[in-house]
N, C-alpha and C. Protein backbone atom coordinates (compact mmCIF):
# COMPACT_ATOMS: atom_id res chain seq x y z
N MET A 1 -4.26 -24.64 -8.04
CA MET A 1 -4.37 -23.38 -8.76
C MET A 1 -3.03 -22.67 -8.76
N TYR A 2 -2.60 -22.21 -9.90
CA TYR A 2 -1.33 -21.51 -10.03
C TYR A 2 -1.48 -20.04 -9.62
N ILE A 3 -0.61 -19.58 -8.74
CA ILE A 3 -0.64 -18.20 -8.27
C ILE A 3 0.61 -17.49 -8.74
N GLU A 4 0.45 -16.42 -9.49
CA GLU A 4 1.60 -15.64 -9.93
C GLU A 4 2.04 -14.68 -8.84
N SER A 5 3.26 -14.17 -8.99
CA SER A 5 3.83 -13.29 -7.96
C SER A 5 3.08 -11.97 -7.83
N VAL A 6 2.26 -11.62 -8.84
CA VAL A 6 1.52 -10.36 -8.78
C VAL A 6 0.15 -10.52 -8.15
N HIS A 7 -0.30 -11.75 -7.91
CA HIS A 7 -1.63 -11.98 -7.35
C HIS A 7 -1.62 -11.68 -5.85
N PRO A 8 -2.52 -10.82 -5.37
CA PRO A 8 -2.59 -10.54 -3.93
C PRO A 8 -3.12 -11.75 -3.16
N PHE A 9 -2.69 -11.87 -1.93
CA PHE A 9 -3.21 -12.90 -1.04
C PHE A 9 -3.22 -12.33 0.37
N ARG A 10 -4.06 -12.92 1.23
CA ARG A 10 -4.12 -12.46 2.62
C ARG A 10 -3.09 -13.22 3.44
N THR A 11 -2.51 -12.53 4.41
CA THR A 11 -1.55 -13.19 5.29
C THR A 11 -1.60 -12.56 6.67
N SER A 12 -1.61 -13.38 7.70
CA SER A 12 -1.66 -12.86 9.07
C SER A 12 -0.28 -12.56 9.61
N PHE A 13 0.74 -13.31 9.17
CA PHE A 13 2.09 -13.09 9.71
C PHE A 13 2.59 -11.70 9.39
N VAL A 14 2.36 -11.24 8.17
CA VAL A 14 2.84 -9.92 7.79
C VAL A 14 2.16 -8.85 8.63
N TYR A 15 0.89 -9.06 8.96
CA TYR A 15 0.17 -8.06 9.76
C TYR A 15 0.84 -7.84 11.10
N SER A 16 1.12 -8.93 11.82
CA SER A 16 1.73 -8.77 13.14
C SER A 16 3.11 -8.15 13.02
N ASN A 17 3.85 -8.52 11.98
CA ASN A 17 5.17 -7.96 11.77
C ASN A 17 5.10 -6.47 11.48
N LEU A 18 4.15 -6.08 10.63
CA LEU A 18 3.96 -4.66 10.30
C LEU A 18 3.53 -3.87 11.53
N ASN A 19 2.64 -4.45 12.31
CA ASN A 19 2.11 -3.75 13.48
C ASN A 19 3.21 -3.43 14.48
N TYR A 20 4.08 -4.38 14.74
CA TYR A 20 5.14 -4.15 15.71
C TYR A 20 6.22 -3.24 15.14
N ALA A 21 6.45 -3.32 13.85
CA ALA A 21 7.39 -2.38 13.22
C ALA A 21 6.85 -0.96 13.33
N LEU A 22 5.54 -0.81 13.16
CA LEU A 22 4.92 0.52 13.23
C LEU A 22 5.00 1.10 14.63
N VAL A 23 4.64 0.32 15.64
CA VAL A 23 4.64 0.85 17.00
C VAL A 23 6.06 1.14 17.46
N THR A 24 7.03 0.38 16.95
CA THR A 24 8.44 0.67 17.26
C THR A 24 8.84 2.01 16.65
N TYR A 25 8.44 2.23 15.40
CA TYR A 25 8.75 3.49 14.72
C TYR A 25 8.12 4.67 15.45
N ILE A 26 6.87 4.52 15.86
CA ILE A 26 6.18 5.60 16.55
C ILE A 26 6.85 5.90 17.88
N SER A 27 7.23 4.86 18.61
CA SER A 27 7.85 5.08 19.92
C SER A 27 9.18 5.81 19.79
N GLU A 28 9.93 5.52 18.75
CA GLU A 28 11.23 6.16 18.56
C GLU A 28 11.08 7.63 18.18
N ASN A 29 9.89 8.02 17.73
CA ASN A 29 9.66 9.40 17.35
C ASN A 29 8.85 10.17 18.39
N LEU A 30 8.76 9.62 19.58
CA LEU A 30 8.04 10.29 20.67
C LEU A 30 8.97 10.50 21.86
N GLY A 31 10.06 11.17 21.62
CA GLY A 31 10.97 11.49 22.71
C GLY A 31 11.73 10.30 23.25
N GLY A 32 11.82 9.25 22.45
CA GLY A 32 12.61 8.10 22.87
C GLY A 32 11.98 7.25 23.95
N LYS A 33 10.66 7.29 24.10
CA LYS A 33 10.01 6.45 25.10
C LYS A 33 10.15 4.98 24.72
N SER A 34 10.33 4.15 25.73
CA SER A 34 10.40 2.72 25.47
C SER A 34 9.00 2.17 25.20
N LEU A 35 8.94 1.05 24.51
CA LEU A 35 7.65 0.43 24.23
C LEU A 35 6.97 -0.01 25.53
N GLU A 36 7.78 -0.46 26.49
CA GLU A 36 7.22 -0.88 27.77
C GLU A 36 6.53 0.30 28.47
N ASP A 37 7.15 1.48 28.41
CA ASP A 37 6.54 2.67 29.02
C ASP A 37 5.24 3.04 28.30
N LEU A 38 5.25 2.91 26.97
CA LEU A 38 4.04 3.23 26.21
C LEU A 38 2.90 2.28 26.57
N ILE A 39 3.22 1.01 26.74
CA ILE A 39 2.20 0.03 27.10
C ILE A 39 1.59 0.38 28.45
N LYS A 40 2.45 0.75 29.40
CA LYS A 40 1.95 1.12 30.73
C LYS A 40 1.09 2.38 30.65
N GLU A 41 1.57 3.40 29.92
CA GLU A 41 0.88 4.68 29.87
C GLU A 41 -0.42 4.62 29.08
N GLU A 42 -0.43 3.83 27.99
CA GLU A 42 -1.60 3.82 27.10
C GLU A 42 -2.62 2.75 27.46
N LEU A 43 -2.18 1.66 28.10
CA LEU A 43 -3.10 0.55 28.37
C LEU A 43 -3.43 0.41 29.85
N PHE A 44 -2.41 0.34 30.68
CA PHE A 44 -2.64 -0.03 32.07
C PHE A 44 -3.06 1.15 32.95
N GLN A 45 -2.30 2.22 32.93
CA GLN A 45 -2.56 3.34 33.85
C GLN A 45 -3.93 3.98 33.66
N PRO A 46 -4.42 4.20 32.41
CA PRO A 46 -5.75 4.81 32.26
C PRO A 46 -6.87 3.98 32.89
N GLN A 47 -6.65 2.66 33.04
CA GLN A 47 -7.68 1.80 33.62
C GLN A 47 -7.44 1.56 35.11
N GLY A 48 -6.45 2.25 35.69
CA GLY A 48 -6.16 2.06 37.10
C GLY A 48 -5.56 0.71 37.40
N MET A 49 -4.92 0.09 36.40
CA MET A 49 -4.34 -1.24 36.57
C MET A 49 -2.91 -1.12 37.09
N ASP A 50 -2.55 -2.03 37.98
CA ASP A 50 -1.21 -2.03 38.55
C ASP A 50 -0.24 -2.53 37.50
N SER A 51 0.60 -1.65 36.99
CA SER A 51 1.51 -2.03 35.91
C SER A 51 2.55 -3.03 36.37
N SER A 52 2.78 -3.15 37.68
CA SER A 52 3.73 -4.16 38.16
C SER A 52 3.11 -5.55 38.12
N THR A 53 1.77 -5.60 38.23
CA THR A 53 1.07 -6.88 38.13
C THR A 53 0.83 -7.25 36.67
N PHE A 54 0.37 -6.27 35.88
CA PHE A 54 0.13 -6.49 34.47
C PHE A 54 1.36 -5.99 33.71
N ALA A 55 2.45 -6.72 33.83
CA ALA A 55 3.74 -6.24 33.32
C ALA A 55 4.02 -6.74 31.91
N SER A 56 3.00 -6.80 31.07
CA SER A 56 3.21 -7.24 29.69
C SER A 56 4.10 -6.25 28.96
N THR A 57 5.00 -6.79 28.17
CA THR A 57 5.86 -5.96 27.34
C THR A 57 5.57 -6.28 25.89
N THR A 58 6.16 -5.53 24.99
CA THR A 58 5.94 -5.78 23.56
C THR A 58 6.34 -7.20 23.17
N PRO A 59 7.48 -7.73 23.63
CA PRO A 59 7.79 -9.13 23.31
C PRO A 59 6.73 -10.11 23.79
N ASP A 60 6.10 -9.80 24.95
CA ASP A 60 5.03 -10.68 25.43
C ASP A 60 3.86 -10.70 24.45
N PHE A 61 3.50 -9.52 23.94
CA PHE A 61 2.41 -9.45 22.98
C PHE A 61 2.79 -10.15 21.68
N SER A 62 4.01 -9.93 21.20
CA SER A 62 4.41 -10.50 19.92
C SER A 62 4.56 -12.01 20.00
N LYS A 63 4.94 -12.52 21.17
CA LYS A 63 5.08 -13.97 21.36
C LYS A 63 3.76 -14.60 21.79
N VAL A 64 2.73 -13.81 21.98
CA VAL A 64 1.42 -14.27 22.43
C VAL A 64 1.57 -15.07 23.71
N ALA A 65 2.29 -14.50 24.69
CA ALA A 65 2.58 -15.20 25.93
C ALA A 65 1.92 -14.57 27.15
N SER A 66 0.92 -13.72 26.91
CA SER A 66 0.26 -13.08 28.05
C SER A 66 -0.78 -13.96 28.71
N GLY A 67 -1.17 -15.05 28.05
CA GLY A 67 -2.08 -16.00 28.65
C GLY A 67 -3.55 -15.76 28.39
N TYR A 68 -3.90 -14.77 27.55
CA TYR A 68 -5.31 -14.49 27.26
C TYR A 68 -5.81 -15.38 26.14
N ARG A 69 -6.94 -16.04 26.38
CA ARG A 69 -7.51 -16.89 25.34
C ARG A 69 -8.16 -16.02 24.27
N ASN A 70 -8.33 -16.61 23.07
CA ASN A 70 -9.01 -15.93 21.97
C ASN A 70 -10.51 -16.15 22.15
N GLY A 71 -11.11 -15.43 23.09
CA GLY A 71 -12.49 -15.66 23.48
C GLY A 71 -13.48 -15.41 22.37
N PRO A 72 -14.74 -15.85 22.55
CA PRO A 72 -15.75 -15.74 21.50
C PRO A 72 -16.05 -14.31 21.10
N GLY A 73 -15.81 -13.35 21.98
CA GLY A 73 -16.12 -11.97 21.64
C GLY A 73 -14.95 -11.18 21.09
N SER A 74 -13.74 -11.75 21.18
CA SER A 74 -12.57 -10.96 20.82
C SER A 74 -12.53 -10.62 19.34
N ARG A 75 -13.09 -11.49 18.50
CA ARG A 75 -13.11 -11.22 17.07
C ARG A 75 -14.28 -10.33 16.67
N LEU A 76 -15.18 -10.11 17.58
CA LEU A 76 -16.38 -9.34 17.25
C LEU A 76 -16.32 -7.92 17.80
N VAL A 77 -15.15 -7.48 18.21
CA VAL A 77 -14.99 -6.12 18.71
C VAL A 77 -14.38 -5.28 17.59
N PRO A 78 -15.20 -4.50 16.88
CA PRO A 78 -14.67 -3.75 15.73
C PRO A 78 -13.74 -2.62 16.13
N VAL A 79 -13.87 -2.13 17.35
CA VAL A 79 -13.04 -1.02 17.81
C VAL A 79 -12.16 -1.51 18.95
N SER A 80 -10.85 -1.51 18.71
CA SER A 80 -9.94 -2.06 19.71
C SER A 80 -9.92 -1.26 21.00
N HIS A 81 -10.40 -0.01 20.97
CA HIS A 81 -10.42 0.82 22.17
C HIS A 81 -11.23 0.16 23.28
N ALA A 82 -12.26 -0.59 22.91
CA ALA A 82 -13.10 -1.23 23.92
C ALA A 82 -12.32 -2.25 24.74
N LEU A 83 -11.26 -2.80 24.16
CA LEU A 83 -10.50 -3.82 24.86
C LEU A 83 -9.79 -3.27 26.08
N THR A 84 -9.37 -2.01 26.02
CA THR A 84 -8.66 -1.45 27.17
C THR A 84 -9.55 -1.40 28.41
N ARG A 85 -10.85 -1.22 28.21
CA ARG A 85 -11.77 -1.20 29.35
C ARG A 85 -12.03 -2.60 29.88
N ARG A 86 -11.84 -3.59 29.01
CA ARG A 86 -12.11 -4.97 29.42
C ARG A 86 -10.90 -5.64 30.06
N MET A 87 -9.72 -5.08 29.85
CA MET A 87 -8.50 -5.71 30.31
C MET A 87 -8.54 -6.14 31.78
N PRO A 88 -9.02 -5.29 32.71
CA PRO A 88 -8.98 -5.71 34.12
C PRO A 88 -9.86 -6.92 34.42
N TYR A 89 -10.80 -7.26 33.52
CA TYR A 89 -11.77 -8.31 33.80
C TYR A 89 -11.53 -9.59 33.01
N ILE A 90 -10.51 -9.59 32.16
CA ILE A 90 -10.23 -10.76 31.34
C ILE A 90 -9.35 -11.72 32.13
N GLU A 91 -9.81 -12.96 32.27
CA GLU A 91 -9.04 -13.96 33.00
C GLU A 91 -8.11 -14.70 32.03
N SER A 92 -6.89 -14.90 32.46
CA SER A 92 -5.94 -15.65 31.65
C SER A 92 -6.17 -17.14 31.85
N VAL A 93 -5.79 -17.92 30.86
CA VAL A 93 -5.96 -19.38 30.94
C VAL A 93 -4.67 -20.07 31.32
N HIS A 94 -3.57 -19.34 31.29
CA HIS A 94 -2.27 -19.87 31.72
C HIS A 94 -1.55 -18.79 32.51
N PRO A 95 -0.69 -19.16 33.43
CA PRO A 95 0.11 -18.14 34.12
C PRO A 95 0.93 -17.33 33.13
N PHE A 96 1.17 -16.12 33.49
CA PHE A 96 1.89 -15.16 32.65
C PHE A 96 3.24 -15.72 32.21
N ARG A 97 3.52 -15.65 30.89
CA ARG A 97 4.79 -16.05 30.29
C ARG A 97 5.11 -17.53 30.45
N THR A 98 4.10 -18.36 30.60
CA THR A 98 4.37 -19.80 30.74
C THR A 98 3.92 -20.61 29.54
N SER A 99 3.07 -20.04 28.69
CA SER A 99 2.55 -20.84 27.59
C SER A 99 2.12 -19.95 26.43
N PHE A 100 2.23 -20.49 25.22
CA PHE A 100 1.74 -19.80 24.03
C PHE A 100 0.23 -19.98 23.95
N VAL A 101 -0.49 -18.88 23.83
CA VAL A 101 -1.94 -18.91 23.64
C VAL A 101 -2.29 -17.90 22.55
N TYR A 102 -2.66 -18.40 21.37
CA TYR A 102 -2.97 -17.45 20.30
C TYR A 102 -4.18 -16.62 20.68
N SER A 103 -4.08 -15.32 20.47
CA SER A 103 -5.19 -14.42 20.78
C SER A 103 -5.07 -13.15 19.96
N ASN A 104 -6.15 -12.76 19.32
CA ASN A 104 -6.17 -11.50 18.59
C ASN A 104 -6.18 -10.30 19.53
N LEU A 105 -6.42 -10.55 20.83
CA LEU A 105 -6.37 -9.46 21.80
C LEU A 105 -5.01 -8.78 21.78
N ASN A 106 -3.96 -9.58 21.64
CA ASN A 106 -2.61 -9.01 21.64
C ASN A 106 -2.44 -8.01 20.51
N TYR A 107 -2.87 -8.41 19.31
CA TYR A 107 -2.71 -7.53 18.15
C TYR A 107 -3.64 -6.32 18.24
N ALA A 108 -4.83 -6.53 18.79
CA ALA A 108 -5.76 -5.41 18.92
C ALA A 108 -5.23 -4.36 19.89
N LEU A 109 -4.57 -4.79 20.95
CA LEU A 109 -4.03 -3.85 21.92
C LEU A 109 -2.88 -3.05 21.35
N VAL A 110 -2.02 -3.70 20.57
CA VAL A 110 -0.92 -2.98 19.93
C VAL A 110 -1.48 -2.03 18.87
N THR A 111 -2.55 -2.45 18.19
CA THR A 111 -3.22 -1.56 17.23
C THR A 111 -3.73 -0.31 17.94
N TYR A 112 -4.31 -0.50 19.12
CA TYR A 112 -4.82 0.63 19.90
C TYR A 112 -3.70 1.62 20.20
N ILE A 113 -2.54 1.13 20.60
CA ILE A 113 -1.42 2.01 20.91
C ILE A 113 -1.00 2.78 19.67
N SER A 114 -0.88 2.08 18.53
CA SER A 114 -0.44 2.73 17.29
C SER A 114 -1.41 3.82 16.87
N GLU A 115 -2.71 3.52 16.89
CA GLU A 115 -3.70 4.51 16.45
C GLU A 115 -3.79 5.68 17.42
N ASN A 116 -3.69 5.39 18.71
CA ASN A 116 -3.81 6.44 19.70
C ASN A 116 -2.64 7.42 19.61
N LEU A 117 -1.45 6.91 19.38
CA LEU A 117 -0.27 7.76 19.30
C LEU A 117 -0.09 8.37 17.92
N GLY A 118 -0.45 7.62 16.88
CA GLY A 118 -0.26 8.10 15.52
C GLY A 118 -1.36 9.03 15.03
N GLY A 119 -2.52 9.00 15.69
CA GLY A 119 -3.61 9.89 15.33
C GLY A 119 -4.31 9.53 14.04
N LYS A 120 -4.09 8.34 13.53
CA LYS A 120 -4.74 7.88 12.30
C LYS A 120 -5.09 6.40 12.44
N SER A 121 -5.84 5.89 11.46
CA SER A 121 -6.16 4.47 11.49
C SER A 121 -4.90 3.66 11.23
N LEU A 122 -4.91 2.42 11.70
CA LEU A 122 -3.75 1.56 11.50
C LEU A 122 -3.44 1.39 10.02
N GLU A 123 -4.51 1.26 9.21
CA GLU A 123 -4.30 1.08 7.77
C GLU A 123 -3.56 2.27 7.17
N ASP A 124 -3.98 3.49 7.52
CA ASP A 124 -3.33 4.68 6.98
C ASP A 124 -1.89 4.80 7.48
N LEU A 125 -1.66 4.48 8.74
CA LEU A 125 -0.31 4.58 9.29
C LEU A 125 0.65 3.60 8.62
N ILE A 126 0.19 2.37 8.42
CA ILE A 126 1.06 1.38 7.79
C ILE A 126 1.34 1.75 6.34
N LYS A 127 0.32 2.24 5.64
CA LYS A 127 0.53 2.64 4.25
C LYS A 127 1.55 3.77 4.15
N GLU A 128 1.39 4.80 5.01
CA GLU A 128 2.24 5.98 4.92
C GLU A 128 3.66 5.73 5.43
N GLU A 129 3.78 4.97 6.51
CA GLU A 129 5.09 4.82 7.15
C GLU A 129 5.85 3.58 6.70
N LEU A 130 5.15 2.57 6.18
CA LEU A 130 5.83 1.32 5.84
C LEU A 130 5.67 0.93 4.37
N PHE A 131 4.44 0.88 3.87
CA PHE A 131 4.25 0.46 2.48
C PHE A 131 4.88 1.42 1.48
N GLN A 132 4.54 2.69 1.59
CA GLN A 132 5.01 3.67 0.60
C GLN A 132 6.53 3.81 0.56
N PRO A 133 7.23 3.91 1.71
CA PRO A 133 8.69 4.00 1.65
C PRO A 133 9.36 2.79 1.01
N GLN A 134 8.71 1.62 1.10
CA GLN A 134 9.29 0.41 0.50
C GLN A 134 8.84 0.20 -0.94
N GLY A 135 7.97 1.07 -1.44
CA GLY A 135 7.44 0.87 -2.79
C GLY A 135 6.52 -0.32 -2.88
N MET A 136 5.84 -0.65 -1.76
CA MET A 136 4.92 -1.78 -1.74
C MET A 136 3.55 -1.32 -2.23
N ASP A 137 3.49 -1.01 -3.52
CA ASP A 137 2.30 -0.38 -4.09
C ASP A 137 1.13 -1.33 -4.26
N SER A 138 1.37 -2.63 -4.21
CA SER A 138 0.29 -3.60 -4.40
C SER A 138 -0.28 -4.08 -3.07
N SER A 139 0.28 -3.64 -1.96
CA SER A 139 -0.18 -4.09 -0.65
C SER A 139 -1.30 -3.19 -0.15
N THR A 140 -2.31 -3.81 0.44
CA THR A 140 -3.46 -3.05 0.93
C THR A 140 -4.12 -3.85 2.05
N PHE A 141 -5.37 -3.53 2.36
CA PHE A 141 -6.08 -4.18 3.45
C PHE A 141 -7.45 -4.64 2.98
N ALA A 142 -7.80 -5.87 3.33
CA ALA A 142 -9.11 -6.40 2.96
C ALA A 142 -10.23 -5.63 3.63
N SER A 143 -9.92 -4.97 4.75
CA SER A 143 -10.95 -4.22 5.48
C SER A 143 -11.31 -2.92 4.80
N THR A 144 -10.48 -2.43 3.87
CA THR A 144 -10.74 -1.15 3.21
C THR A 144 -10.82 -1.24 1.70
N THR A 145 -10.39 -2.34 1.11
CA THR A 145 -10.40 -2.49 -0.34
C THR A 145 -11.82 -2.72 -0.85
N PRO A 146 -12.30 -1.93 -1.81
CA PRO A 146 -13.69 -2.06 -2.26
C PRO A 146 -13.98 -3.34 -3.02
N ASP A 147 -13.01 -3.88 -3.73
CA ASP A 147 -13.24 -5.13 -4.45
C ASP A 147 -11.96 -5.94 -4.45
N PHE A 148 -12.04 -7.16 -4.97
CA PHE A 148 -10.91 -8.08 -4.93
C PHE A 148 -10.65 -8.68 -6.31
N PRO A 149 -10.16 -7.89 -7.26
CA PRO A 149 -9.87 -8.46 -8.57
C PRO A 149 -8.60 -9.31 -8.54
N LYS A 150 -8.69 -10.48 -9.11
CA LYS A 150 -7.53 -11.37 -9.24
C LYS A 150 -6.84 -11.65 -7.91
N VAL A 151 -7.66 -11.91 -6.90
CA VAL A 151 -7.11 -12.21 -5.58
C VAL A 151 -7.13 -13.72 -5.36
N ALA A 152 -6.06 -14.24 -4.77
CA ALA A 152 -6.02 -15.65 -4.43
C ALA A 152 -7.07 -15.93 -3.36
N SER A 153 -7.94 -16.90 -3.60
CA SER A 153 -9.03 -17.20 -2.67
C SER A 153 -8.60 -18.20 -1.61
N GLY A 154 -9.14 -18.00 -0.41
CA GLY A 154 -8.95 -18.99 0.64
C GLY A 154 -9.98 -20.10 0.49
N TYR A 155 -9.71 -21.24 1.11
CA TYR A 155 -10.63 -22.38 1.01
C TYR A 155 -10.86 -22.96 2.40
N ARG A 156 -12.01 -23.63 2.54
CA ARG A 156 -12.33 -24.32 3.78
C ARG A 156 -12.87 -25.70 3.43
N ASN A 157 -12.91 -26.57 4.42
CA ASN A 157 -13.44 -27.91 4.20
C ASN A 157 -14.96 -27.87 4.13
N GLY A 158 -15.51 -28.41 3.04
CA GLY A 158 -16.95 -28.45 2.87
C GLY A 158 -17.48 -29.87 3.02
N PRO A 159 -18.73 -30.11 2.62
CA PRO A 159 -19.32 -31.45 2.72
C PRO A 159 -18.48 -32.47 1.95
N GLY A 160 -18.32 -33.63 2.54
CA GLY A 160 -17.57 -34.68 1.88
C GLY A 160 -16.10 -34.35 1.72
N SER A 161 -15.58 -33.51 2.60
CA SER A 161 -14.16 -33.11 2.57
C SER A 161 -13.79 -32.35 1.31
N ARG A 162 -14.79 -31.79 0.62
CA ARG A 162 -14.50 -30.97 -0.55
C ARG A 162 -14.01 -29.60 -0.11
N LEU A 163 -13.10 -29.02 -0.88
CA LEU A 163 -12.63 -27.67 -0.60
C LEU A 163 -13.59 -26.67 -1.21
N VAL A 164 -14.08 -25.76 -0.39
CA VAL A 164 -15.04 -24.75 -0.82
C VAL A 164 -14.39 -23.38 -0.70
N PRO A 165 -14.40 -22.57 -1.78
CA PRO A 165 -13.78 -21.24 -1.70
C PRO A 165 -14.52 -20.33 -0.72
N VAL A 166 -13.78 -19.54 0.01
CA VAL A 166 -14.36 -18.57 0.95
C VAL A 166 -14.76 -17.33 0.18
N SER A 167 -15.98 -16.86 0.38
CA SER A 167 -16.47 -15.70 -0.36
C SER A 167 -15.71 -14.44 0.03
N HIS A 168 -15.61 -13.49 -0.90
CA HIS A 168 -14.92 -12.24 -0.62
C HIS A 168 -15.68 -11.41 0.42
N ALA A 169 -17.01 -11.57 0.48
CA ALA A 169 -17.80 -10.85 1.49
C ALA A 169 -17.39 -11.29 2.89
N LEU A 170 -17.20 -12.60 3.07
CA LEU A 170 -16.76 -13.11 4.37
C LEU A 170 -15.33 -12.67 4.65
N THR A 171 -14.51 -12.63 3.60
CA THR A 171 -13.13 -12.18 3.76
C THR A 171 -13.08 -10.78 4.34
N ARG A 172 -13.92 -9.89 3.82
CA ARG A 172 -13.91 -8.51 4.31
C ARG A 172 -14.41 -8.43 5.76
N LYS A 173 -15.48 -9.15 6.07
CA LYS A 173 -16.00 -9.13 7.43
C LYS A 173 -14.98 -9.70 8.41
N TRP A 174 -14.33 -10.77 8.01
CA TRP A 174 -13.32 -11.39 8.87
C TRP A 174 -12.14 -10.45 9.08
N ALA A 175 -11.80 -9.70 8.05
CA ALA A 175 -10.69 -8.74 8.16
C ALA A 175 -11.01 -7.63 9.14
N ILE A 176 -12.27 -7.22 9.18
CA ILE A 176 -12.69 -6.17 10.12
C ILE A 176 -12.72 -6.70 11.54
N TRP A 177 -13.24 -7.92 11.70
CA TRP A 177 -13.35 -8.50 13.04
C TRP A 177 -12.00 -8.91 13.60
N ALA A 178 -11.15 -9.45 12.75
CA ALA A 178 -9.84 -9.95 13.19
C ALA A 178 -8.76 -9.29 12.35
N GLY A 179 -8.20 -8.23 12.87
CA GLY A 179 -7.24 -7.45 12.10
C GLY A 179 -6.06 -8.23 11.57
N SER A 180 -5.70 -9.31 12.26
CA SER A 180 -4.53 -10.07 11.83
C SER A 180 -4.72 -10.73 10.48
N ASN A 181 -5.95 -10.78 10.00
CA ASN A 181 -6.21 -11.38 8.69
C ASN A 181 -6.48 -10.34 7.61
N SER A 182 -6.20 -9.08 7.87
CA SER A 182 -6.64 -8.04 6.94
C SER A 182 -5.61 -7.66 5.89
N VAL A 183 -4.33 -7.94 6.10
CA VAL A 183 -3.31 -7.50 5.15
C VAL A 183 -3.37 -8.32 3.87
N MET A 184 -3.33 -7.61 2.74
CA MET A 184 -3.26 -8.26 1.44
C MET A 184 -1.99 -7.78 0.75
N THR A 185 -1.18 -8.73 0.29
CA THR A 185 0.06 -8.39 -0.38
C THR A 185 0.29 -9.40 -1.50
N ASN A 186 1.40 -9.29 -2.20
CA ASN A 186 1.74 -10.28 -3.21
C ASN A 186 3.21 -10.66 -3.07
N GLY A 187 3.67 -11.60 -3.90
CA GLY A 187 5.03 -12.09 -3.78
C GLY A 187 6.07 -11.02 -3.98
N ILE A 188 5.82 -10.08 -4.88
CA ILE A 188 6.79 -9.01 -5.16
C ILE A 188 6.94 -8.10 -3.94
N ASP A 189 5.81 -7.65 -3.39
CA ASP A 189 5.86 -6.78 -2.22
C ASP A 189 6.40 -7.51 -0.99
N TYR A 190 6.06 -8.79 -0.88
CA TYR A 190 6.56 -9.59 0.24
C TYR A 190 8.09 -9.63 0.21
N ALA A 191 8.65 -9.77 -0.98
CA ALA A 191 10.11 -9.78 -1.13
C ALA A 191 10.71 -8.44 -0.71
N LYS A 192 10.02 -7.35 -1.02
CA LYS A 192 10.51 -6.02 -0.61
C LYS A 192 10.53 -5.91 0.91
N TRP A 193 9.50 -6.45 1.56
CA TRP A 193 9.45 -6.40 3.02
C TRP A 193 10.56 -7.25 3.64
N MET A 194 10.85 -8.40 3.03
CA MET A 194 11.95 -9.24 3.51
C MET A 194 13.28 -8.52 3.35
N ASN A 195 13.48 -7.86 2.22
CA ASN A 195 14.73 -7.13 1.99
C ASN A 195 14.89 -5.98 2.97
N PHE A 196 13.78 -5.38 3.35
CA PHE A 196 13.81 -4.30 4.34
C PHE A 196 14.44 -4.80 5.65
N HIS A 197 14.07 -6.01 6.06
CA HIS A 197 14.63 -6.58 7.28
C HIS A 197 16.08 -7.03 7.08
N LEU A 198 16.36 -7.59 5.93
CA LEU A 198 17.73 -8.03 5.65
C LEU A 198 18.69 -6.87 5.52
N ASN A 199 18.14 -5.68 5.27
CA ASN A 199 18.97 -4.48 5.10
C ASN A 199 18.96 -3.62 6.37
N ASP A 200 18.78 -4.29 7.52
CA ASP A 200 18.81 -3.60 8.82
C ASP A 200 17.78 -2.48 8.94
N GLY A 201 16.61 -2.69 8.35
CA GLY A 201 15.53 -1.72 8.50
C GLY A 201 15.66 -0.49 7.64
N LYS A 202 16.51 -0.54 6.64
CA LYS A 202 16.67 0.61 5.73
C LYS A 202 15.87 0.34 4.47
N ASP A 203 15.25 1.41 3.94
CA ASP A 203 14.43 1.24 2.74
C ASP A 203 15.20 1.51 1.47
N LYS A 204 16.47 1.82 1.58
CA LYS A 204 17.30 2.06 0.41
C LYS A 204 18.59 1.25 0.50
């Protein structure tokens, strides 16, 4: 199927990139606090967790090196705030910083920090602070978009190895359960985001 540059598609990589760009922006506008201090103050200390033992930093979250598995319930937690209460009881499957383990927990925790400090939903914060300044007018979120006109469909393996299109209803539910799959953008907006990085983080 031919996809034009104006057709929206879902992408998980852009989500993680946007999320960390957002939390970096927020931290720089809160009296110059480091991201490591924010992680300790917003995640560990409220739960009575020893921040010297749970010494995850933003690079650890972005590299998915904290050792937490993507457990069966992690995609079914619609509110990331619940994860902060579960943190002391989650067992890692690898020693800290020794192995890559993909987990949506990492992205959900950074989302929690962004929303808690920004006072708005992650979708609103990213739109206001990142999409709009870059003129990324076609970028949105599958979790909030009411319909999907002219959207590139995902596919899965069906009976007899046939490719079966994934329904838009499942796309929306999956976007809510797993935030890393919620960003929808197109080739034109993707190029704007790449230029933003190539221009040292300047939007002009």
